[in-house]
Amino acid sequence: MKIVLREDVPQLGTKWDVVTVKNGYARNYLIPKGFAVLATDGELKQVAEIQRVQTRKIAKQEAQLQALADKINGQKLVFTARASADTGRLFGSVTAGDIAERLEAQVGEEVDRRKIVLSEAIRSTGDHTVTVHLVGRLRPTITVTVEAEAETEGSEPAARAETDLVEA
């Protein structure tokens, strides 16, 4: 059965997509929940017009954000964090919010943290390539380098004090 999605449905499609699904799935779940409608001729014409308008809107936004994409593309952000000396695993993590803050400071323009694509937070030292989805096909990439913090002398006396207690 051919249907038009009215909402994003995970693993099926996004809003205004025309998809073919099994009859029972459409009749018993998608249509009653309001996620989809039958793909009639009138509905397909409406979808075509909506997609045409969205294409023009995205092209306009791409033109506006091209300068920002050029500034962002190729940037290198360096983070220093506490990490295990043995494995290089961070005790915390570098999140999309951290990257957005640092990128805003470096570029001088606002970057929404939701536009930064991370499959999961960065939890290890080294270089990581991160994509920023601005709009449409504008997807500049940046390099995030995470370095381990150098050992501070403040932690050494605490370790020495513990060994003094054990010896006594």
N, C-alpha and C. Protein backbone atom coordinates (compact mmCIF):
# COMPACT_ATOMS: atom_id res chain seq x y z
N MET A 1 0.85 -1.17 0.00
CA MET A 1 0.00 0.00 0.00
C MET A 1 0.90 1.24 0.00
N LYS A 2 0.58 2.19 -0.85
CA LYS A 2 1.33 3.42 -0.96
C LYS A 2 0.73 4.45 0.01
N ILE A 3 1.61 5.06 0.83
CA ILE A 3 1.15 6.05 1.79
C ILE A 3 2.08 7.27 1.76
N VAL A 4 1.59 8.38 2.31
CA VAL A 4 2.38 9.59 2.47
C VAL A 4 2.57 9.80 3.97
N LEU A 5 3.82 9.90 4.39
CA LEU A 5 4.10 10.08 5.81
C LEU A 5 3.82 11.52 6.22
N ARG A 6 3.13 11.70 7.33
CA ARG A 6 2.84 13.02 7.86
C ARG A 6 3.79 13.38 9.00
N GLU A 7 4.55 12.41 9.47
CA GLU A 7 5.53 12.61 10.53
C GLU A 7 6.74 11.74 10.22
N ASP A 8 7.86 12.05 10.86
CA ASP A 8 9.04 11.19 10.72
C ASP A 8 8.76 9.87 11.44
N VAL A 9 9.01 8.77 10.76
CA VAL A 9 8.83 7.44 11.35
C VAL A 9 10.19 6.75 11.28
N PRO A 10 10.77 6.41 12.45
CA PRO A 10 12.09 5.76 12.44
C PRO A 10 12.09 4.50 11.58
N GLN A 11 13.16 4.33 10.84
CA GLN A 11 13.40 3.17 9.98
C GLN A 11 12.39 3.02 8.85
N LEU A 12 11.62 4.11 8.58
CA LEU A 12 10.68 4.06 7.47
C LEU A 12 10.87 5.25 6.55
N GLY A 13 10.90 6.45 7.12
CA GLY A 13 11.07 7.63 6.28
C GLY A 13 10.82 8.90 7.06
N THR A 14 10.96 10.02 6.34
CA THR A 14 10.76 11.32 6.96
C THR A 14 9.44 11.92 6.48
N LYS A 15 9.08 13.01 7.10
CA LYS A 15 7.82 13.68 6.78
C LYS A 15 7.77 14.00 5.29
N TRP A 16 6.60 13.74 4.67
CA TRP A 16 6.30 13.98 3.26
C TRP A 16 6.94 12.97 2.31
N ASP A 17 7.51 11.89 2.82
CA ASP A 17 8.00 10.83 1.94
C ASP A 17 6.82 9.97 1.49
N VAL A 18 6.89 9.48 0.26
CA VAL A 18 5.89 8.53 -0.25
C VAL A 18 6.54 7.16 -0.19
N VAL A 19 5.97 6.26 0.61
CA VAL A 19 6.55 4.95 0.80
C VAL A 19 5.50 3.86 0.59
N THR A 20 5.98 2.66 0.32
CA THR A 20 5.11 1.50 0.17
C THR A 20 5.33 0.60 1.38
N VAL A 21 4.23 0.28 2.06
CA VAL A 21 4.29 -0.59 3.24
C VAL A 21 3.22 -1.66 3.11
N LYS A 22 3.27 -2.62 4.00
CA LYS A 22 2.26 -3.67 4.00
C LYS A 22 0.92 -3.07 4.45
N ASN A 23 -0.16 -3.63 3.93
CA ASN A 23 -1.51 -3.11 4.21
C ASN A 23 -1.82 -3.05 5.70
N GLY A 24 -1.51 -4.12 6.41
CA GLY A 24 -1.83 -4.16 7.84
C GLY A 24 -1.08 -3.10 8.64
N TYR A 25 0.17 -2.88 8.31
CA TYR A 25 0.98 -1.86 9.00
C TYR A 25 0.39 -0.47 8.78
N ALA A 26 -0.05 -0.21 7.55
CA ALA A 26 -0.64 1.10 7.25
C ALA A 26 -2.00 1.24 7.93
N ARG A 27 -2.88 0.26 7.76
CA ARG A 27 -4.26 0.37 8.28
C ARG A 27 -4.35 0.30 9.79
N ASN A 28 -3.51 -0.53 10.41
CA ASN A 28 -3.63 -0.75 11.84
C ASN A 28 -2.76 0.15 12.70
N TYR A 29 -1.71 0.72 12.11
CA TYR A 29 -0.80 1.51 12.93
C TYR A 29 -0.59 2.93 12.39
N LEU A 30 -0.06 3.04 11.18
CA LEU A 30 0.36 4.35 10.67
C LEU A 30 -0.81 5.32 10.48
N ILE A 31 -1.86 4.88 9.82
CA ILE A 31 -2.99 5.78 9.54
C ILE A 31 -3.77 6.12 10.81
N PRO A 32 -4.14 5.15 11.68
CA PRO A 32 -4.86 5.52 12.90
C PRO A 32 -4.08 6.43 13.85
N LYS A 33 -2.77 6.29 13.90
CA LYS A 33 -1.95 7.13 14.79
C LYS A 33 -1.69 8.51 14.18
N GLY A 34 -2.05 8.71 12.92
CA GLY A 34 -1.85 10.00 12.27
C GLY A 34 -0.46 10.17 11.68
N PHE A 35 0.30 9.09 11.58
CA PHE A 35 1.64 9.17 11.02
C PHE A 35 1.61 9.22 9.49
N ALA A 36 0.50 8.77 8.88
CA ALA A 36 0.45 8.69 7.43
C ALA A 36 -0.99 8.80 6.93
N VAL A 37 -1.11 9.07 5.62
CA VAL A 37 -2.40 9.05 4.93
C VAL A 37 -2.22 8.27 3.64
N LEU A 38 -3.33 7.82 3.05
CA LEU A 38 -3.26 7.11 1.78
C LEU A 38 -2.72 8.04 0.70
N ALA A 39 -1.96 7.48 -0.22
CA ALA A 39 -1.35 8.26 -1.30
C ALA A 39 -2.33 8.36 -2.47
N THR A 40 -3.29 9.28 -2.37
CA THR A 40 -4.21 9.53 -3.48
C THR A 40 -3.57 10.52 -4.45
N ASP A 41 -4.23 10.72 -5.60
CA ASP A 41 -3.69 11.66 -6.59
C ASP A 41 -3.56 13.06 -6.00
N GLY A 42 -4.57 13.51 -5.30
CA GLY A 42 -4.54 14.85 -4.69
C GLY A 42 -3.44 14.97 -3.65
N GLU A 43 -3.26 13.92 -2.88
CA GLU A 43 -2.22 13.91 -1.84
C GLU A 43 -0.84 13.94 -2.47
N LEU A 44 -0.65 13.21 -3.56
CA LEU A 44 0.65 13.19 -4.24
C LEU A 44 0.98 14.54 -4.85
N LYS A 45 -0.03 15.26 -5.39
CA LYS A 45 0.19 16.61 -5.93
C LYS A 45 0.60 17.56 -4.82
N GLN A 46 -0.07 17.43 -3.67
CA GLN A 46 0.25 18.29 -2.52
C GLN A 46 1.68 18.02 -2.05
N VAL A 47 2.08 16.77 -1.99
CA VAL A 47 3.44 16.41 -1.57
C VAL A 47 4.47 16.98 -2.54
N ALA A 48 4.19 16.89 -3.84
CA ALA A 48 5.11 17.43 -4.84
C ALA A 48 5.30 18.93 -4.65
N GLU A 49 4.22 19.65 -4.39
CA GLU A 49 4.31 21.10 -4.17
C GLU A 49 5.09 21.42 -2.89
N ILE A 50 4.83 20.68 -1.83
CA ILE A 50 5.53 20.89 -0.56
C ILE A 50 7.02 20.63 -0.74
N GLN A 51 7.38 19.56 -1.44
CA GLN A 51 8.78 19.25 -1.67
C GLN A 51 9.47 20.31 -2.53
N ARG A 52 8.75 20.87 -3.49
CA ARG A 52 9.30 21.94 -4.33
C ARG A 52 9.59 23.18 -3.47
N VAL A 53 8.66 23.52 -2.59
CA VAL A 53 8.85 24.68 -1.70
C VAL A 53 10.02 24.43 -0.75
N GLN A 54 10.10 23.23 -0.20
CA GLN A 54 11.20 22.91 0.72
C GLN A 54 12.56 22.96 0.01
N THR A 55 12.61 22.53 -1.24
CA THR A 55 13.85 22.57 -1.99
C THR A 55 14.32 24.01 -2.18
N ARG A 56 13.41 24.90 -2.52
CA ARG A 56 13.76 26.32 -2.67
C ARG A 56 14.21 26.91 -1.34
N LYS A 57 13.53 26.55 -0.27
CA LYS A 57 13.86 27.07 1.07
C LYS A 57 15.26 26.61 1.48
N ILE A 58 15.57 25.34 1.25
CA ILE A 58 16.89 24.81 1.61
C ILE A 58 17.98 25.46 0.77
N ALA A 59 17.71 25.68 -0.51
CA ALA A 59 18.71 26.33 -1.38
C ALA A 59 18.99 27.75 -0.88
N LYS A 60 17.96 28.45 -0.45
CA LYS A 60 18.12 29.81 0.07
C LYS A 60 18.94 29.80 1.37
N GLN A 61 18.64 28.84 2.26
CA GLN A 61 19.39 28.73 3.51
C GLN A 61 20.84 28.35 3.25
N GLU A 62 21.08 27.48 2.28
CA GLU A 62 22.45 27.09 1.94
C GLU A 62 23.25 28.30 1.49
N ALA A 63 22.63 29.15 0.68
CA ALA A 63 23.32 30.35 0.21
C ALA A 63 23.67 31.27 1.37
N GLN A 64 22.78 31.38 2.35
CA GLN A 64 23.03 32.24 3.51
C GLN A 64 24.12 31.68 4.41
N LEU A 65 24.17 30.37 4.56
CA LEU A 65 25.10 29.76 5.50
C LEU A 65 26.42 29.31 4.86
N GLN A 66 26.61 29.57 3.57
CA GLN A 66 27.83 29.14 2.89
C GLN A 66 29.07 29.78 3.51
N ALA A 67 28.98 31.07 3.88
CA ALA A 67 30.13 31.76 4.48
C ALA A 67 30.51 31.11 5.81
N LEU A 68 29.51 30.75 6.62
CA LEU A 68 29.77 30.08 7.89
C LEU A 68 30.41 28.72 7.66
N ALA A 69 29.92 27.99 6.66
CA ALA A 69 30.47 26.66 6.35
C ALA A 69 31.94 26.79 5.94
N ASP A 70 32.27 27.82 5.17
CA ASP A 70 33.66 28.03 4.76
C ASP A 70 34.55 28.33 5.96
N LYS A 71 34.01 29.09 6.94
CA LYS A 71 34.79 29.39 8.15
C LYS A 71 35.02 28.14 8.99
N ILE A 72 33.99 27.31 9.09
CA ILE A 72 34.04 26.12 9.94
C ILE A 72 34.90 25.03 9.33
N ASN A 73 34.81 24.83 8.03
CA ASN A 73 35.48 23.71 7.38
C ASN A 73 36.99 23.74 7.62
N GLY A 74 37.52 22.64 8.11
CA GLY A 74 38.95 22.51 8.33
C GLY A 74 39.45 23.06 9.66
N GLN A 75 38.56 23.58 10.50
CA GLN A 75 38.99 24.08 11.80
C GLN A 75 39.55 22.94 12.64
N LYS A 76 40.48 23.27 13.52
CA LYS A 76 41.04 22.27 14.42
C LYS A 76 40.84 22.77 15.84
N LEU A 77 40.14 21.99 16.64
CA LEU A 77 39.87 22.32 18.04
C LEU A 77 40.70 21.40 18.92
N VAL A 78 41.35 21.97 19.92
CA VAL A 78 42.18 21.19 20.83
C VAL A 78 41.57 21.25 22.23
N PHE A 79 41.32 20.10 22.80
CA PHE A 79 40.79 19.99 24.15
C PHE A 79 41.83 19.29 25.01
N THR A 80 41.95 19.74 26.27
CA THR A 80 42.82 19.08 27.23
C THR A 80 41.93 18.52 28.33
N ALA A 81 42.07 17.24 28.62
CA ALA A 81 41.21 16.60 29.60
C ALA A 81 42.00 15.57 30.39
N ARG A 82 41.50 15.26 31.57
CA ARG A 82 42.13 14.23 32.39
C ARG A 82 41.88 12.88 31.74
N ALA A 83 42.94 12.09 31.63
CA ALA A 83 42.84 10.80 30.98
C ALA A 83 43.74 9.78 31.67
N SER A 84 43.43 8.54 31.48
CA SER A 84 44.25 7.45 31.99
C SER A 84 45.57 7.42 31.23
N ALA A 85 46.68 7.33 31.95
CA ALA A 85 47.98 7.31 31.29
C ALA A 85 48.19 6.01 30.51
N ASP A 86 47.58 4.93 30.98
CA ASP A 86 47.77 3.63 30.33
C ASP A 86 46.99 3.50 29.02
N THR A 87 45.70 3.78 29.08
CA THR A 87 44.83 3.51 27.93
C THR A 87 44.49 4.74 27.10
N GLY A 88 44.66 5.93 27.64
CA GLY A 88 44.29 7.14 26.92
C GLY A 88 42.80 7.41 26.97
N ARG A 89 42.09 6.69 27.82
CA ARG A 89 40.64 6.88 27.97
C ARG A 89 40.40 8.05 28.91
N LEU A 90 39.48 8.94 28.53
CA LEU A 90 39.17 10.12 29.34
C LEU A 90 38.36 9.73 30.57
N PHE A 91 38.55 10.50 31.64
CA PHE A 91 37.74 10.29 32.84
C PHE A 91 36.37 10.93 32.65
N GLY A 92 36.27 11.91 31.78
CA GLY A 92 35.01 12.54 31.43
C GLY A 92 34.76 12.28 29.95
N SER A 93 34.23 13.29 29.26
CA SER A 93 34.04 13.16 27.82
C SER A 93 33.97 14.55 27.20
N VAL A 94 34.17 14.60 25.91
CA VAL A 94 34.01 15.82 25.14
C VAL A 94 32.69 15.67 24.38
N THR A 95 31.74 16.55 24.67
CA THR A 95 30.40 16.43 24.10
C THR A 95 30.19 17.43 22.97
N ALA A 96 29.06 17.32 22.31
CA ALA A 96 28.72 18.25 21.23
C ALA A 96 28.60 19.67 21.76
N GLY A 97 28.12 19.82 22.99
CA GLY A 97 28.03 21.15 23.60
C GLY A 97 29.39 21.78 23.79
N ASP A 98 30.37 21.00 24.24
CA ASP A 98 31.74 21.50 24.40
C ASP A 98 32.32 21.93 23.06
N ILE A 99 32.09 21.12 22.05
CA ILE A 99 32.61 21.43 20.71
C ILE A 99 31.95 22.70 20.18
N ALA A 100 30.64 22.84 20.38
CA ALA A 100 29.92 24.02 19.90
C ALA A 100 30.44 25.29 20.55
N GLU A 101 30.68 25.25 21.87
CA GLU A 101 31.21 26.43 22.57
C GLU A 101 32.56 26.83 22.02
N ARG A 102 33.45 25.87 21.88
CA ARG A 102 34.81 26.15 21.39
C ARG A 102 34.77 26.64 19.95
N LEU A 103 33.89 26.06 19.14
CA LEU A 103 33.78 26.45 17.74
C LEU A 103 33.22 27.88 17.61
N GLU A 104 32.24 28.22 18.44
CA GLU A 104 31.69 29.58 18.45
C GLU A 104 32.77 30.60 18.78
N ALA A 105 33.59 30.29 19.79
CA ALA A 105 34.66 31.20 20.19
C ALA A 105 35.69 31.37 19.07
N GLN A 106 35.97 30.29 18.35
CA GLN A 106 37.00 30.33 17.32
C GLN A 106 36.49 30.99 16.03
N VAL A 107 35.24 30.74 15.67
CA VAL A 107 34.69 31.25 14.42
C VAL A 107 34.07 32.63 14.60
N GLY A 108 33.49 32.87 15.77
CA GLY A 108 32.86 34.16 16.04
C GLY A 108 31.39 34.21 15.66
N GLU A 109 30.80 33.07 15.31
CA GLU A 109 29.38 33.00 14.99
C GLU A 109 28.75 31.85 15.76
N GLU A 110 27.44 31.95 15.99
CA GLU A 110 26.75 30.94 16.78
C GLU A 110 26.61 29.64 16.01
N VAL A 111 26.93 28.54 16.68
CA VAL A 111 26.78 27.20 16.12
C VAL A 111 25.94 26.39 17.11
N ASP A 112 24.82 25.87 16.65
CA ASP A 112 23.93 25.10 17.50
C ASP A 112 24.53 23.73 17.80
N ARG A 113 24.53 23.32 19.06
CA ARG A 113 25.12 22.03 19.45
C ARG A 113 24.40 20.86 18.79
N ARG A 114 23.14 21.03 18.44
CA ARG A 114 22.39 19.94 17.80
C ARG A 114 22.82 19.71 16.37
N LYS A 115 23.55 20.66 15.78
CA LYS A 115 24.04 20.51 14.41
C LYS A 115 25.34 19.71 14.36
N ILE A 116 25.98 19.52 15.51
CA ILE A 116 27.24 18.78 15.56
C ILE A 116 26.90 17.30 15.71
N VAL A 117 27.40 16.50 14.78
CA VAL A 117 27.03 15.09 14.73
C VAL A 117 28.12 14.24 15.38
N LEU A 118 27.74 13.63 16.50
CA LEU A 118 28.61 12.68 17.19
C LEU A 118 27.78 11.42 17.42
N SER A 119 28.30 10.28 17.04
CA SER A 119 27.55 9.06 17.31
C SER A 119 27.50 8.82 18.81
N GLU A 120 28.56 9.20 19.49
CA GLU A 120 28.60 9.17 20.96
C GLU A 120 29.67 10.18 21.39
N ALA A 121 29.63 10.56 22.65
CA ALA A 121 30.60 11.54 23.15
C ALA A 121 32.02 11.00 23.00
N ILE A 122 32.96 11.91 22.80
CA ILE A 122 34.36 11.52 22.61
C ILE A 122 34.95 11.18 23.97
N ARG A 123 35.47 9.96 24.12
CA ARG A 123 35.98 9.50 25.42
C ARG A 123 37.41 8.99 25.35
N SER A 124 38.15 9.35 24.30
CA SER A 124 39.53 8.90 24.21
C SER A 124 40.39 10.02 23.63
N THR A 125 41.69 9.95 23.92
CA THR A 125 42.60 10.96 23.41
C THR A 125 42.88 10.70 21.93
N GLY A 126 43.37 11.71 21.25
CA GLY A 126 43.71 11.57 19.84
C GLY A 126 42.90 12.49 18.97
N ASP A 127 43.01 12.29 17.66
CA ASP A 127 42.28 13.10 16.68
C ASP A 127 40.97 12.43 16.33
N HIS A 128 39.91 13.25 16.26
CA HIS A 128 38.58 12.77 15.90
C HIS A 128 38.00 13.70 14.85
N THR A 129 37.45 13.16 13.78
CA THR A 129 36.82 13.96 12.74
C THR A 129 35.34 14.08 13.07
N VAL A 130 34.85 15.32 13.09
CA VAL A 130 33.46 15.59 13.45
C VAL A 130 32.81 16.37 12.32
N THR A 131 31.58 16.01 11.98
CA THR A 131 30.83 16.69 10.93
C THR A 131 29.81 17.64 11.56
N VAL A 132 29.65 18.82 10.95
CA VAL A 132 28.66 19.79 11.39
C VAL A 132 27.61 19.88 10.28
N HIS A 133 26.37 19.44 10.56
CA HIS A 133 25.30 19.48 9.57
C HIS A 133 24.61 20.83 9.70
N LEU A 134 24.94 21.77 8.83
CA LEU A 134 24.31 23.08 8.90
C LEU A 134 22.91 23.05 8.30
N VAL A 135 22.83 22.82 7.00
CA VAL A 135 21.54 22.69 6.33
C VAL A 135 21.78 22.05 4.96
N GLY A 136 20.85 21.24 4.53
CA GLY A 136 20.96 20.63 3.21
C GLY A 136 22.27 19.88 3.01
N ARG A 137 23.01 20.27 1.97
CA ARG A 137 24.26 19.61 1.66
C ARG A 137 25.46 20.26 2.34
N LEU A 138 25.26 21.30 3.11
CA LEU A 138 26.37 21.97 3.81
C LEU A 138 26.76 21.15 5.03
N ARG A 139 27.88 20.44 4.91
CA ARG A 139 28.33 19.59 6.00
C ARG A 139 29.84 19.73 6.16
N PRO A 140 30.29 20.86 6.72
CA PRO A 140 31.74 21.03 6.93
C PRO A 140 32.25 20.07 8.01
N THR A 141 33.52 19.70 7.90
CA THR A 141 34.12 18.82 8.90
C THR A 141 35.19 19.57 9.67
N ILE A 142 35.34 19.20 10.92
CA ILE A 142 36.37 19.78 11.78
C ILE A 142 37.15 18.64 12.42
N THR A 143 38.34 18.96 12.91
CA THR A 143 39.15 17.97 13.60
C THR A 143 39.20 18.34 15.07
N VAL A 144 38.82 17.41 15.91
CA VAL A 144 38.86 17.61 17.36
C VAL A 144 40.02 16.78 17.89
N THR A 145 40.99 17.46 18.51
CA THR A 145 42.13 16.77 19.09
C THR A 145 41.99 16.81 20.60
N VAL A 146 42.04 15.66 21.22
CA VAL A 146 41.94 15.57 22.67
C VAL A 146 43.29 15.12 23.20
N GLU A 147 43.85 15.94 24.09
CA GLU A 147 45.15 15.64 24.68
C GLU A 147 44.96 15.36 26.17
N ALA A 148 45.82 14.50 26.69
CA ALA A 148 45.77 14.18 28.12
C ALA A 148 46.42 15.32 28.90
N GLU A 149 45.83 15.63 30.05
CA GLU A 149 46.39 16.65 30.93
C GLU A 149 47.72 16.18 31.47
N ALA A 150 48.67 17.08 31.60
CA ALA A 150 49.95 16.72 32.19
C ALA A 150 49.75 16.49 33.69
N GLU A 151 50.51 15.58 34.26
CA GLU A 151 50.42 15.32 35.69
C GLU A 151 50.79 16.58 36.46
N THR A 152 49.97 16.93 37.42
CA THR A 152 50.26 18.12 38.23
C THR A 152 50.98 17.69 39.50
N GLU A 153 51.74 18.60 40.07
CA GLU A 153 52.48 18.28 41.29
C GLU A 153 51.56 18.21 42.49
N GLY A 154 50.36 18.75 42.37
CA GLY A 154 49.40 18.71 43.47
C GLY A 154 48.95 17.30 43.77
N SER A 155 48.96 16.42 42.82
CA SER A 155 48.51 15.04 43.06
C SER A 155 49.63 14.17 43.63
N GLU A 156 50.89 14.58 43.45
CA GLU A 156 52.00 13.78 43.93
C GLU A 156 52.11 13.75 45.46
N PRO A 157 51.99 14.87 46.20
CA PRO A 157 52.06 14.81 47.66
C PRO A 157 50.97 13.94 48.26
N ALA A 158 49.79 13.91 47.66
CA ALA A 158 48.73 13.07 48.19
C ALA A 158 49.14 11.60 48.09
N ALA A 159 49.74 11.22 47.00
CA ALA A 159 50.19 9.84 46.84
C ALA A 159 51.31 9.53 47.83
N ARG A 160 52.21 10.49 48.04
CA ARG A 160 53.31 10.30 48.96
C ARG A 160 52.78 10.18 50.40
N ALA A 161 51.77 10.94 50.75
CA ALA A 161 51.20 10.88 52.09
C ALA A 161 50.56 9.52 52.34
N GLU A 162 49.92 8.93 51.34
CA GLU A 162 49.33 7.62 51.51
C GLU A 162 50.40 6.57 51.74
N THR A 163 51.54 6.65 51.06
CA THR A 163 52.59 5.65 51.25
C THR A 163 53.26 5.83 52.60
N ASP A 164 53.33 7.07 53.12
CA ASP A 164 53.88 7.29 54.44
C ASP A 164 53.03 6.62 55.51
N LEU A 165 51.72 6.64 55.34
CA LEU A 165 50.83 6.02 56.31
C LEU A 165 50.99 4.49 56.29
N VAL A 166 51.18 3.93 55.13
CA VAL A 166 51.30 2.49 55.02
C VAL A 166 52.60 2.00 55.66
N GLU A 167 53.69 2.77 55.52
CA GLU A 167 54.96 2.36 56.06
C GLU A 167 54.98 2.42 57.58
N ALA A 168 54.22 3.30 58.18
CA ALA A 168 54.27 3.48 59.63
C ALA A 168 53.54 2.46 60.40
